[in-house]
Amino acid sequence: MVKTLKSYNDVKVVLASGSPRRKELLREIFPEFTISVNDAPEKKIGRFPSKLVTDNARAKAMASDALDALVVAADTVVFMDGRYFLKPKDENDATEMLKTLSNRTHFVYTGVALRFNEKITTFYVVSKVKMKNLSSDTIKEYVATGSPLDKAGSYGIQDDVVVAGYSGSFSNIMGLPVEETAVRIDEFLRSIYGTHGTCR
């Protein structure tokens, strides 16, 4: 069930991301917000995906110059066997990623940062995705659609031509875990304003 925060109508909300999917997902929590995309240096690939995504989300939130506003930032990676699958560089890169992920299960980590002026908090959510056994022709046709080229792991969770199934948060795999984010925003703003945002 969508949890729309209703008690913070006067709070200015800023999404520190240009992702159309995150924009769509955040609208389930806040119908209105502004978008501010700032260059933030991403951390180098490290051993722990949970730390990588939360560090990157924090950097994006801190790069925003918004004042007296709730800044929401996120970072998503696909992880399997100690390897990160980020956004593909080109069609060849996407093809190789899909070949590697084919017929296997991997993890999707999304880190989220919430900032209000100098106060900031982060968290992450993990989901699992099982890919279909993909033939070379299927991969070629899918890559040709262009859908994989702006997505971590080179696929969209909604594309059942390549995805066999998943467990955990669907919205997390898309780039923003809506349910957990709504709860965390409520807690975060309550710690600032001393009020409780009801959800529906």
Protein backbone atom coordinates (compact mmCIF):
# COMPACT_ATOMS: atom_id res chain seq x y z
CA MET A 1 0.00 0.00 0.00
CA VAL A 2 1.37 3.43 -0.92
CA LYS A 3 2.32 5.49 2.11
CA THR A 4 1.82 9.16 1.38
CA LEU A 5 3.02 11.46 4.16
CA LYS A 6 0.24 13.92 4.88
CA SER A 7 1.46 15.91 7.88
CA TYR A 8 4.40 17.62 6.23
CA ASN A 9 2.67 19.62 3.53
CA ASP A 10 4.69 22.72 4.38
CA VAL A 11 8.05 20.98 4.03
CA LYS A 12 9.99 21.74 0.86
CA VAL A 13 11.24 18.50 -0.70
CA VAL A 14 14.15 18.22 -3.13
CA LEU A 15 15.06 15.09 -5.08
CA ALA A 16 18.79 15.05 -5.77
CA SER A 17 18.49 12.83 -8.82
CA GLY A 18 17.61 13.12 -12.47
CA SER A 19 16.33 9.55 -12.65
CA PRO A 20 12.80 9.41 -14.09
CA ARG A 21 12.15 6.24 -12.08
CA ARG A 22 13.11 7.85 -8.77
CA LYS A 23 10.97 10.85 -9.66
CA GLU A 24 8.00 8.54 -10.23
CA LEU A 25 8.64 6.62 -7.02
CA LEU A 26 9.11 9.66 -4.76
CA ARG A 27 5.82 11.05 -6.04
CA GLU A 28 4.14 8.14 -4.24
CA ILE A 29 5.33 9.71 -0.98
CA PHE A 30 5.29 13.42 -1.83
CA PRO A 31 3.06 14.53 -4.73
CA GLU A 32 5.10 17.70 -5.19
CA PHE A 33 8.84 18.29 -5.00
CA THR A 34 11.63 19.92 -6.95
CA ILE A 35 14.59 18.28 -8.65
CA SER A 36 18.17 19.40 -8.20
CA VAL A 37 20.98 17.41 -9.78
CA ASN A 38 24.49 18.30 -8.65
CA ASP A 39 27.79 16.66 -9.50
CA ALA A 40 28.96 14.56 -6.56
CA PRO A 41 32.12 12.44 -6.67
CA GLU A 42 31.15 8.80 -6.31
CA LYS A 43 33.19 6.55 -4.05
CA LYS A 44 35.46 3.97 -5.58
CA ILE A 45 34.16 0.43 -5.75
CA GLY A 46 34.77 -1.21 -2.39
CA ARG A 47 34.23 -4.49 -0.66
CA PHE A 48 30.86 -3.75 0.88
CA PRO A 49 27.99 -2.72 -1.42
CA SER A 50 25.94 -1.43 1.52
CA LYS A 51 28.66 1.08 2.38
CA LEU A 52 29.19 2.04 -1.26
CA VAL A 53 25.56 2.96 -1.91
CA THR A 54 25.06 4.80 1.38
CA ASP A 55 28.30 6.75 0.90
CA ASN A 56 27.30 7.70 -2.64
CA ALA A 57 23.79 8.69 -1.56
CA ARG A 58 25.25 10.81 1.23
CA ALA A 59 27.62 12.56 -1.21
CA LYS A 60 24.71 13.36 -3.55
CA ALA A 61 22.63 14.77 -0.69
CA MET A 62 25.52 16.88 0.60
CA ALA A 63 26.18 18.25 -2.89
CA SER A 64 22.73 19.87 -2.95
CA ASP A 65 22.67 23.54 -2.01
CA ALA A 66 19.04 23.40 -0.84
CA LEU A 67 18.37 25.11 2.49
CA ASP A 68 15.51 24.45 4.91
CA ALA A 69 14.41 21.55 2.72
CA LEU A 70 14.27 17.79 2.88
CA VAL A 71 16.81 16.51 0.37
CA VAL A 72 16.35 12.93 -0.82
CA ALA A 73 19.22 11.19 -2.62
CA ALA A 74 19.79 7.57 -3.62
CA ASP A 75 22.30 5.25 -5.26
CA THR A 76 21.68 1.76 -6.65
CA VAL A 77 24.04 -1.06 -7.61
CA VAL A 78 23.68 -4.65 -8.77
CA PHE A 79 26.04 -7.05 -6.98
CA MET A 80 26.94 -10.69 -7.61
CA ASP A 81 29.95 -12.83 -6.66
CA GLY A 82 31.93 -9.86 -5.42
CA ARG A 83 31.39 -7.92 -8.63
CA TYR A 84 29.47 -4.70 -9.19
CA PHE A 85 27.26 -4.19 -12.22
CA LEU A 86 26.74 -0.47 -12.75
CA LYS A 87 25.18 1.35 -15.69
CA PRO A 88 26.64 0.00 -18.94
CA LYS A 89 29.08 2.12 -20.90
CA ASP A 90 27.57 1.05 -24.22
CA GLU A 91 25.62 -1.75 -25.91
CA ASN A 92 28.59 -4.14 -25.81
CA ASP A 93 28.99 -3.60 -22.08
CA ALA A 94 25.26 -4.19 -21.56
CA THR A 95 25.47 -7.40 -23.58
CA GLU A 96 28.34 -8.74 -21.48
CA MET A 97 26.56 -7.88 -18.24
CA LEU A 98 23.41 -9.71 -19.30
CA LYS A 99 25.41 -12.76 -20.36
CA THR A 100 27.01 -12.86 -16.92
CA LEU A 101 23.73 -12.36 -15.04
CA SER A 102 21.82 -14.86 -17.20
CA ASN A 103 20.15 -17.74 -15.31
CA ARG A 104 21.57 -16.56 -11.99
CA THR A 105 20.44 -14.73 -8.86
CA HIS A 106 21.98 -11.42 -7.83
CA PHE A 107 21.44 -8.69 -5.25
CA VAL A 108 20.28 -5.10 -5.74
CA TYR A 109 21.38 -2.56 -3.14
CA THR A 110 19.91 0.92 -2.88
CA GLY A 111 21.30 3.43 -0.43
CA VAL A 112 19.18 6.44 0.52
CA ALA A 113 20.25 9.67 2.21
CA LEU A 114 17.89 12.17 3.85
CA ARG A 115 19.27 15.61 4.65
CA PHE A 116 17.80 18.72 6.24
CA ASN A 117 20.41 21.48 6.48
CA GLU A 118 23.24 19.98 8.58
CA LYS A 119 21.33 16.93 9.73
CA ILE A 120 21.63 13.78 7.64
CA THR A 121 20.76 10.10 7.92
CA THR A 122 21.32 7.14 5.60
CA PHE A 123 20.01 3.61 5.18
CA TYR A 124 19.99 0.87 2.58
CA VAL A 125 17.68 -1.88 1.34
CA VAL A 126 18.59 -5.15 -0.40
CA SER A 127 16.49 -7.18 -2.84
CA LYS A 128 17.21 -10.36 -4.82
CA VAL A 129 16.57 -10.87 -8.53
CA LYS A 130 16.60 -14.09 -10.55
CA MET A 131 17.31 -13.70 -14.25
CA LYS A 132 15.97 -15.94 -16.99
CA ASN A 133 18.26 -18.17 -19.02
CA LEU A 134 18.91 -15.65 -21.79
CA SER A 135 19.81 -16.69 -25.30
CA SER A 136 22.16 -14.58 -27.40
CA ASP A 137 19.24 -13.54 -29.61
CA THR A 138 17.14 -12.47 -26.62
CA ILE A 139 20.00 -10.38 -25.25
CA LYS A 140 20.65 -8.81 -28.64
CA GLU A 141 17.00 -7.89 -29.14
CA TYR A 142 16.66 -6.55 -25.59
CA VAL A 143 19.78 -4.40 -25.81
CA ALA A 144 18.56 -3.03 -29.15
CA THR A 145 15.48 -1.59 -27.41
CA GLY A 146 17.75 0.78 -25.48
CA SER A 147 16.07 -0.09 -22.19
CA PRO A 148 19.22 -1.47 -20.50
CA LEU A 149 21.46 1.47 -21.29
CA ASP A 150 20.53 3.74 -18.36
CA LYS A 151 20.08 1.07 -15.69
CA ALA A 152 22.40 -0.57 -13.19
CA GLY A 153 22.90 -4.17 -14.26
CA SER A 154 21.64 -3.40 -17.77
CA TYR A 155 18.02 -4.36 -17.16
CA GLY A 156 14.74 -3.06 -15.81
CA ILE A 157 12.95 -5.14 -13.16
CA GLN A 158 9.68 -4.56 -15.02
CA ASP A 159 11.10 -6.22 -18.17
CA ASP A 160 9.88 -9.80 -17.83
CA VAL A 161 11.61 -10.79 -21.05
CA VAL A 162 14.81 -11.02 -18.99
CA VAL A 163 13.64 -11.22 -15.35
CA ALA A 164 12.39 -14.54 -13.93
CA GLY A 165 11.44 -13.25 -10.49
CA TYR A 166 12.49 -11.30 -7.41
CA SER A 167 12.18 -11.16 -3.64
CA GLY A 168 12.10 -8.07 -1.46
CA SER A 169 11.13 -4.55 -2.42
CA PHE A 170 10.20 -4.04 -6.09
CA SER A 171 10.63 -0.28 -5.82
CA ASN A 172 14.09 -0.80 -4.31
CA ILE A 173 15.14 -2.59 -7.49
CA MET A 174 13.78 0.32 -9.51
CA GLY A 175 15.94 2.75 -7.56
CA LEU A 176 14.08 3.94 -4.44
CA PRO A 177 12.55 1.66 -1.77
CA VAL A 178 9.29 3.55 -1.36
CA GLU A 179 7.91 1.78 1.69
CA GLU A 180 11.08 2.04 3.77
CA THR A 181 11.79 5.57 2.54
CA ALA A 182 8.34 6.77 3.67
CA VAL A 183 8.90 5.34 7.14
CA ARG A 184 12.41 6.81 7.41
CA ILE A 185 11.29 10.23 6.20
CA ASP A 186 8.52 10.26 8.79
CA GLU A 187 11.01 9.40 11.55
CA PHE A 188 13.57 11.91 10.26
CA LEU A 189 11.17 14.84 10.01
CA ARG A 190 9.60 13.99 13.36
CA SER A 191 13.06 14.21 14.93
CA ILE A 192 13.34 17.73 13.48
CA TYR A 193 9.81 19.07 13.92
CA GLY A 194 8.61 16.96 16.82
CA THR A 195 5.48 15.98 14.89
CA HIS A 196 4.32 12.68 13.49
CA GLY A 197 3.43 12.29 9.84
CA THR A 198 0.49 10.02 9.38
CA CYS A 199 0.55 7.64 6.45
CA ARG A 200 -2.15 6.26 4.27
